[in-house]
Amino acid sequence: MLTKPSKSGIKLFLESIRLAIKKGISTSMATLIGSLNRKIVGWANYPESCLIN
């Protein structure tokens, strides 16, 4: 069975990404990419931890 995040969950995630990019303007590109990478990988792996009946 395929699990999908809710629309509100997607909006919140994208808003957190936008905020991280705006805050990270003054940091190095490598630091910003590393931060975004952790967020995106965590978001992508979250459904794997859920049990589906």
C-alpha atoms as a PDB file:
ATOM      1  CA  MET A   1       0.000   0.000   0.000  1.00  0.00           C
ATOM      2  CA  LEU A   2       1.258   3.468  -0.857  1.00  0.00           C
ATOM      3  CA  THR A   3       1.403   6.066   1.888  1.00  0.00           C
ATOM      4  CA  LYS A   4       1.264   9.732   1.020  1.00  0.00           C
ATOM      5  CA  PRO A   5       1.725  12.769   3.245  1.00  0.00           C
ATOM      6  CA  SER A   6      -1.239  15.066   3.743  1.00  0.00           C
ATOM      7  CA  LYS A   7      -1.501  18.290   1.769  1.00  0.00           C
ATOM      8  CA  SER A   8      -1.041  20.318   4.937  1.00  0.00           C
ATOM      9  CA  GLY A   9       2.054  18.258   5.787  1.00  0.00           C
ATOM     10  CA  ILE A  10       3.543  18.969   2.373  1.00  0.00           C
ATOM     11  CA  LYS A  11       2.843  22.688   2.741  1.00  0.00           C
ATOM     12  CA  LEU A  12       4.514  22.778   6.169  1.00  0.00           C
ATOM     13  CA  PHE A  13       7.542  20.902   4.862  1.00  0.00           C
ATOM     14  CA  LEU A  14       7.961  23.209   1.871  1.00  0.00           C
ATOM     15  CA  GLU A  15       7.577  26.239   4.112  1.00  0.00           C
ATOM     16  CA  SER A  16      10.337  24.917   6.395  1.00  0.00           C
ATOM     17  CA  ILE A  17      12.589  24.418   3.338  1.00  0.00           C
ATOM     18  CA  ARG A  18      11.897  27.966   2.144  1.00  0.00           C
ATOM     19  CA  LEU A  19      12.660  29.342   5.596  1.00  0.00           C
ATOM     20  CA  ALA A  20      15.906  27.350   5.823  1.00  0.00           C
ATOM     21  CA  ILE A  21      17.002  28.729   2.438  1.00  0.00           C
ATOM     22  CA  LYS A  22      16.194  32.312   3.443  1.00  0.00           C
ATOM     23  CA  LYS A  23      18.040  31.928   6.758  1.00  0.00           C
ATOM     24  CA  GLY A  24      20.970  30.188   5.071  1.00  0.00           C
ATOM     25  CA  ILE A  25      21.717  32.960   2.559  1.00  0.00           C
ATOM     26  CA  SER A  26      24.729  34.125   4.587  1.00  0.00           C
ATOM     27  CA  THR A  27      26.132  30.612   5.178  1.00  0.00           C
ATOM     28  CA  SER A  28      28.362  28.673   2.823  1.00  0.00           C
ATOM     29  CA  MET A  29      26.702  26.723   0.030  1.00  0.00           C
ATOM     30  CA  ALA A  30      28.038  23.408   1.379  1.00  0.00           C
ATOM     31  CA  THR A  31      26.517  24.059   4.820  1.00  0.00           C
ATOM     32  CA  LEU A  32      23.168  25.037   3.326  1.00  0.00           C
ATOM     33  CA  ILE A  33      23.071  21.991   1.054  1.00  0.00           C
ATOM     34  CA  GLY A  34      23.989  19.712   3.963  1.00  0.00           C
ATOM     35  CA  SER A  35      21.199  21.162   6.077  1.00  0.00           C
ATOM     36  CA  LEU A  36      18.641  20.839   3.289  1.00  0.00           C
ATOM     37  CA  ASN A  37      19.830  17.329   2.485  1.00  0.00           C
ATOM     38  CA  ARG A  38      19.199  16.155   6.066  1.00  0.00           C
ATOM     39  CA  LYS A  39      15.692  17.648   6.005  1.00  0.00           C
ATOM     40  CA  ILE A  40      14.794  16.144   2.617  1.00  0.00           C
ATOM     41  CA  VAL A  41      16.180  12.683   3.398  1.00  0.00           C
ATOM     42  CA  GLY A  42      14.383  12.661   6.735  1.00  0.00           C
ATOM     43  CA  TRP A  43      11.127  13.667   5.059  1.00  0.00           C
ATOM     44  CA  ALA A  44      11.537  11.003   2.374  1.00  0.00           C
ATOM     45  CA  ASN A  45      12.327   8.232   4.888  1.00  0.00           C
ATOM     46  CA  TYR A  46       9.528   9.069   7.339  1.00  0.00           C
ATOM     47  CA  PRO A  47       6.838   6.868   5.701  1.00  0.00           C
ATOM     48  CA  GLU A  48       9.147   3.844   5.964  1.00  0.00           C
ATOM     49  CA  SER A  49       8.863   3.978   9.750  1.00  0.00           C
ATOM     50  CA  CYS A  50       5.049   3.808   9.693  1.00  0.00           C
ATOM     51  CA  LEU A  51       3.209   0.519   9.871  1.00  0.00           C
ATOM     52  CA  ILE A  52       0.545  -0.067   7.243  1.00  0.00           C
ATOM     53  CA  ASN A  53      -2.278  -2.501   7.842  1.00  0.00           C
END
